[in-house]
Protein backbone atom coordinates (compact mmCIF):
# COMPACT_ATOMS: atom_id res chain seq x y z
CA UNK A 1 87.00 125.91 74.84
CA UNK A 2 88.62 122.49 76.40
CA UNK A 3 86.64 121.64 79.47
CA UNK A 4 88.09 122.46 82.93
CA UNK A 5 88.94 120.23 85.47
CA UNK A 6 87.89 121.14 89.01
CA UNK A 7 90.00 120.83 92.17
CA UNK A 8 88.20 120.56 95.60
CA UNK A 9 90.40 121.80 98.09
CA UNK A 10 87.81 122.68 100.12
CA UNK A 11 86.45 118.90 100.59
CA UNK A 12 87.99 117.81 103.80
CA UNK A 13 87.76 113.70 103.74
CA UNK A 14 86.68 112.60 107.32
CA UNK A 15 88.54 109.47 108.99
CA UNK A 16 85.79 107.12 109.76
CA UNK A 17 87.57 104.00 111.33
CA UNK A 18 91.57 102.90 110.88
CA UNK A 19 91.88 99.01 111.41
CA UNK A 20 95.49 99.83 109.36
CA UNK A 21 94.32 97.78 106.45
CA UNK A 22 97.29 96.52 104.31
CA UNK A 23 94.60 96.49 101.15
CA UNK A 24 91.33 98.05 102.52
CA UNK A 25 88.87 97.42 99.48
CA UNK A 26 85.37 97.07 98.26
CA UNK A 27 83.75 99.22 100.36
CA UNK A 28 79.95 98.60 99.57
CA UNK A 29 76.85 100.06 100.94
CA UNK A 30 74.26 97.25 102.30
CA UNK A 31 70.85 99.19 102.09
CA UNK A 32 68.86 96.65 103.72
CA UNK A 33 71.18 97.43 107.07
CA UNK A 34 72.17 100.59 106.03
CA UNK A 35 75.49 100.00 106.81
CA UNK A 36 78.75 100.10 105.05
CA UNK A 37 81.23 96.78 104.74
CA UNK A 38 84.69 96.45 103.42
CA UNK A 39 87.34 94.28 103.40
CA UNK A 40 91.17 94.32 103.80
CA UNK A 41 92.50 91.52 101.26
CA UNK A 42 95.52 90.22 102.48
CA UNK A 43 94.69 89.82 106.08
CA UNK A 44 91.23 88.17 105.66
CA UNK A 45 89.29 90.65 107.68
CA UNK A 46 85.88 92.13 106.57
CA UNK A 47 84.79 95.43 108.53
CA UNK A 48 80.90 96.88 109.00
CA UNK A 49 80.37 100.85 109.98
CA UNK A 50 76.89 101.50 111.22
CA UNK A 51 76.77 105.68 110.44
CA UNK A 52 73.52 105.67 112.62
CA UNK A 53 75.48 104.88 115.67
CA UNK A 54 79.11 105.60 114.39
CA UNK A 55 80.14 101.97 115.45
CA UNK A 56 82.49 99.82 113.79
CA UNK A 57 83.57 96.50 113.78
CA UNK A 58 85.52 93.60 112.44
CA UNK A 59 82.94 91.24 111.60
CA UNK A 60 84.80 88.34 109.53
CA UNK A 61 88.69 86.81 109.62
CA UNK A 62 89.73 83.98 107.61
CA UNK A 63 90.79 83.51 104.19
CA UNK A 64 90.83 86.41 101.78
CA UNK A 65 88.12 88.10 100.57
CA UNK A 66 88.86 89.83 97.37
CA UNK A 67 85.43 91.00 96.59
CA UNK A 68 81.53 90.76 97.39
CA UNK A 69 78.29 91.75 96.68
CA UNK A 70 74.84 91.98 98.49
CA UNK A 71 72.34 89.38 97.89
CA UNK A 72 68.56 90.02 97.30
CA UNK A 73 68.23 88.27 100.54
CA UNK A 74 70.73 90.48 102.25
CA UNK A 75 73.39 88.15 102.85
CA UNK A 76 77.29 88.70 101.56
CA UNK A 77 78.55 86.57 98.65
CA UNK A 78 82.41 86.51 98.95
CA UNK A 79 84.60 85.83 96.14
CA UNK A 80 87.76 84.67 97.67
CA UNK A 81 91.18 83.15 97.04
CA UNK A 82 91.85 80.03 94.58
CA UNK A 83 88.33 81.07 93.09
CA UNK A 84 86.20 80.08 96.06
CA UNK A 85 82.95 81.69 95.75
CA UNK A 86 80.72 81.39 98.87
CA UNK A 87 77.63 83.04 101.02
CA UNK A 88 78.04 84.10 104.19
CA UNK A 89 75.08 83.78 106.39
CA UNK A 90 74.70 84.21 110.10
CA UNK A 91 78.62 84.03 110.09
CA UNK A 92 78.50 80.74 108.31
CA UNK A 93 80.15 80.17 104.92
CA UNK A 94 78.26 78.00 102.19
CA UNK A 95 80.60 77.29 99.09
CA UNK A 96 78.96 77.24 95.66
CA UNK A 97 82.22 77.32 94.15
CA UNK A 98 84.80 75.16 95.82
CA UNK A 99 87.65 76.33 93.66
CA UNK A 100 88.67 77.17 89.98
CA UNK A 101 91.69 75.16 89.01
CA UNK A 102 92.61 77.61 86.76
CA UNK A 103 92.86 80.23 89.80
CA UNK A 104 94.46 78.46 92.48
CA UNK A 105 97.33 80.09 93.15
CA UNK A 106 95.69 83.58 92.83
CA UNK A 107 92.50 85.24 93.90
CA UNK A 108 89.65 87.36 93.21
CA UNK A 109 90.02 91.27 92.80
CA UNK A 110 86.93 93.17 92.69
CA UNK A 111 83.78 92.30 92.00
CA UNK A 112 80.41 93.65 90.33
CA UNK A 113 76.43 92.67 90.21
CA UNK A 114 74.80 93.58 87.28
CA UNK A 115 71.12 94.78 86.56
CA UNK A 116 70.02 91.16 86.45
CA UNK A 117 71.85 89.85 89.58
CA UNK A 118 74.68 87.93 88.13
CA UNK A 119 78.41 88.99 89.44
CA UNK A 120 81.31 90.33 87.19
CA UNK A 121 84.27 89.06 88.84
CA UNK A 122 87.87 89.52 87.99
CA UNK A 123 91.08 87.93 89.37
CA UNK A 124 94.79 89.02 90.04
CA UNK A 125 97.53 87.89 87.40
CA UNK A 126 100.27 85.53 88.64
CA UNK A 127 103.79 85.15 87.15
CA UNK A 128 102.54 82.04 84.86
CA UNK A 129 99.36 84.16 83.67
CA UNK A 130 97.80 87.14 83.37
CA UNK A 131 94.22 88.08 85.05
CA UNK A 132 91.08 87.50 84.10
CA UNK A 133 87.20 88.56 83.97
CA UNK A 134 84.60 86.36 84.82
CA UNK A 135 80.56 86.32 84.71
CA UNK A 136 78.88 84.45 87.48
CA UNK A 137 75.39 83.44 85.79
CA UNK A 138 72.35 82.93 88.02
CA UNK A 139 72.56 79.73 88.20
CA UNK A 140 75.99 79.79 89.60
CA UNK A 141 77.69 78.65 86.22
CA UNK A 142 80.92 80.60 85.46
CA UNK A 143 81.86 81.86 82.36
CA UNK A 144 85.31 83.47 80.91
CA UNK A 145 84.80 87.15 79.59
CA UNK A 146 88.14 88.67 79.61
CA UNK A 147 92.03 87.11 79.39
CA UNK A 148 95.23 89.00 79.29
CA UNK A 149 94.05 91.48 82.28
CA UNK A 150 97.27 92.92 84.22
CA UNK A 151 94.80 93.87 87.05
CA UNK A 152 91.03 93.49 87.10
CA UNK A 153 89.49 96.27 88.84
CA UNK A 154 86.77 99.14 89.15
CA UNK A 155 83.57 98.19 87.34
CA UNK A 156 80.30 99.96 86.40
CA UNK A 157 77.56 99.90 84.26
CA UNK A 158 76.19 102.91 82.60
CA UNK A 159 72.76 104.66 83.67
CA UNK A 160 70.92 103.20 80.68
CA UNK A 161 72.15 99.63 81.23
CA UNK A 162 73.92 99.53 77.65
CA UNK A 163 77.67 99.80 78.69
CA UNK A 164 80.35 98.37 81.23
CA UNK A 165 83.07 100.02 82.64
CA UNK A 166 86.51 97.77 83.34
CA UNK A 167 89.42 98.93 85.04
CA UNK A 168 92.81 97.57 84.40
CA UNK A 169 95.15 98.97 86.96
CA UNK A 170 98.60 98.20 85.59
CA UNK A 171 97.51 99.08 81.90
CA UNK A 172 96.45 102.39 83.46
CA UNK A 173 93.30 102.20 81.85
CA UNK A 174 89.34 102.26 82.06
CA UNK A 175 87.72 100.52 79.26
CA UNK A 176 84.07 100.70 78.10
CA UNK A 177 82.28 97.85 76.51
CA UNK A 178 78.67 97.68 75.00
CA UNK A 179 76.65 95.43 77.31
CA UNK A 180 73.80 93.17 76.70
CA UNK A 181 71.62 93.13 79.93
CA UNK A 182 69.92 89.70 78.23
CA UNK A 183 72.57 87.67 78.29
CA UNK A 184 75.47 89.50 80.25
CA UNK A 185 77.73 89.54 76.97
CA UNK A 186 80.18 92.70 76.47
CA UNK A 187 81.45 93.81 73.03
CA UNK A 188 83.26 96.88 71.17
CA UNK A 189 86.23 97.04 73.46
CA UNK A 190 87.07 101.09 73.57
CA UNK A 191 89.64 102.94 75.70
CA UNK A 192 87.41 105.49 77.72
CA UNK A 193 90.24 107.09 80.06
CA UNK A 194 93.84 106.74 80.38
CA UNK A 195 96.31 107.67 83.14
CA UNK A 196 100.13 108.59 83.56
CA UNK A 197 102.84 107.22 85.90
CA UNK A 198 102.03 111.17 87.74
CA UNK A 199 98.54 110.30 87.82
CA UNK A 200 99.05 106.71 89.79
CA UNK A 201 96.94 103.44 88.88
CA UNK A 202 93.38 103.55 88.63
CA UNK A 203 91.65 101.11 90.97
CA UNK A 204 88.08 100.91 92.14
CA UNK A 205 85.31 102.94 90.45
CA UNK A 206 81.66 103.83 91.09
CA UNK A 207 79.02 105.92 89.23
CA UNK A 208 77.06 108.69 90.30
CA UNK A 209 73.56 109.65 89.38
CA UNK A 210 74.17 111.92 86.65
CA UNK A 211 76.04 109.42 85.21
CA UNK A 212 79.58 110.53 85.94
CA UNK A 213 82.31 107.25 86.72
CA UNK A 214 84.31 108.28 89.63
CA UNK A 215 87.69 106.45 90.48
CA UNK A 216 90.52 105.91 93.21
CA UNK A 217 93.83 106.59 92.20
CA UNK A 218 96.59 104.48 94.07
CA UNK A 219 99.62 106.09 94.34
CA UNK A 220 97.60 109.20 93.24
CA UNK A 221 96.00 110.25 96.61
CA UNK A 222 92.63 111.29 95.41
CA UNK A 223 89.35 110.32 93.70
CA UNK A 224 88.87 111.76 90.33
CA UNK A 225 85.22 112.32 88.60
CA UNK A 226 85.37 111.62 84.86
CA UNK A 227 82.95 112.67 82.24
CA UNK A 228 81.30 110.47 79.80
CA UNK A 229 83.69 111.50 77.53
CA UNK A 230 86.33 110.30 80.01
CA UNK A 231 87.80 114.03 80.67
CA UNK A 232 88.43 114.50 84.40
CA UNK A 233 85.69 117.19 85.80
CA UNK A 234 86.92 116.88 89.37
CA UNK A 235 89.30 116.28 91.78
CA UNK A 236 89.19 115.31 95.86
CA UNK A 237 92.57 114.82 97.12
CA UNK A 238 93.44 112.57 100.19
CA UNK A 239 95.60 112.68 103.14
CA UNK A 240 97.40 109.14 101.99
CA UNK A 241 98.42 107.93 98.92
CA UNK A 242 96.86 104.63 98.46
CA UNK A 243 93.09 105.59 97.76
CA UNK A 244 92.02 102.01 96.58
CA UNK A 245 88.15 102.28 96.11
CA UNK A 246 84.98 103.72 96.84
CA UNK A 247 81.32 103.81 97.12
CA UNK A 248 78.43 105.78 97.71
CA UNK A 249 75.86 105.32 100.69
CA UNK A 250 74.19 106.81 103.39
CA UNK A 251 70.69 108.13 103.08
CA UNK A 252 70.21 109.41 99.38
CA UNK A 253 73.45 107.96 98.56
CA UNK A 254 75.66 111.54 99.25
CA UNK A 255 78.08 110.00 101.09
CA UNK A 256 81.38 108.47 99.42
CA UNK A 257 83.44 106.14 101.24
CA UNK A 258 86.66 105.39 100.07
CA UNK A 259 89.18 102.84 101.17
CA UNK A 260 92.93 103.00 101.27
CA UNK A 261 96.27 100.67 101.90
CA UNK A 262 99.23 100.86 103.08
CA UNK A 263 98.49 100.50 107.14
CA UNK A 264 100.98 97.60 107.19
CA UNK A 265 103.87 100.42 106.45
CA UNK A 266 102.57 103.53 108.10
CA UNK A 267 105.30 106.02 108.38
CA UNK A 268 105.55 109.57 109.48
CA UNK A 269 104.75 110.43 106.22
CA UNK A 270 101.35 108.99 105.91
CA UNK A 271 100.06 107.97 109.34
CA UNK A 272 96.34 107.48 107.98
CA UNK A 273 97.31 104.96 105.49
CA UNK A 274 94.80 101.88 105.58
CA UNK A 275 91.92 104.22 106.86
CA UNK A 276 88.19 104.46 105.63
CA UNK A 277 87.04 107.79 104.70
CA UNK A 278 84.07 109.72 103.96
CA UNK A 279 83.43 112.31 101.59
CA UNK A 280 80.41 114.16 101.74
CA UNK A 281 78.45 116.98 99.40
CA UNK A 282 79.38 115.66 95.95
CA UNK A 283 76.52 114.75 93.45
CA UNK A 284 75.02 111.65 94.79
CA UNK A 285 75.52 108.31 93.64
CA UNK A 286 73.44 105.17 92.35
CA UNK A 287 72.73 102.10 94.52
CA UNK A 288 74.57 99.03 93.43
CA UNK A 289 72.68 96.31 92.29
CA UNK A 290 71.76 93.46 94.39
CA UNK A 291 73.48 89.73 93.23
CA UNK A 292 70.77 87.16 92.87
CA UNK A 293 72.94 83.94 92.53
CA UNK A 294 71.01 80.93 93.36
CA UNK A 295 72.48 78.37 95.64
CA UNK A 296 71.20 74.66 96.16
CA UNK A 297 68.73 73.42 98.59
């Protein structure tokens, strides 16, 4: 008997904050601060939400931040335009990589720390060249992993730390690779899940405690929970179309925080575009790994 997909019409996403984000992205739970951070990429803004007080604020304005990780010391590691990688401590940026010559015309898009504290970081395509996926090692050295990526997006590591998921939004595919935790290498690419034009574009992703991968579908207005065989297990619909990314957070990681896009062109039909939402009552998630990139003294 084929596996059935469950729609969850009883789940009502809660609007947490609406900063009219053009491309709200990279929601990430900060386990030390017990707060959520997220970014609006084109406008160069970074936001913070404290669920204990329900207060939210803009905490950064500057060059575009395509993604970020939480370092083990609690600081944020920002992946920006032109290939810049910088640590943000007490509001001050300290650059580790000033720029990447091949990425001057583009920016980073979606990043994730691996179990050892390295960072896998993708870049956007340009008219001249497709995007790429890099790995930033603990010593600050950068290594090219993948080329010819349409739009590098949602990533995750399997619970046994032997597999790696990577999304190419423009290809409408999520691929799985073998992952070597000792050296950070990936190999043996195979397609994990494919999506149709009707589905939308797979964007940000996160893994739950049962080893199921959740993906946000841009232009699909929903989250899908994918079984380990890549089939859809569960669907949660949103009141806006450009669901861009998600992360688990809160006590026990029972909350799913979801970013959306389109705040720069809100219409009567999509007034909540660009808002940050929260969904509760689902399978809990797993904490993301800290990055542990060493900065020169």
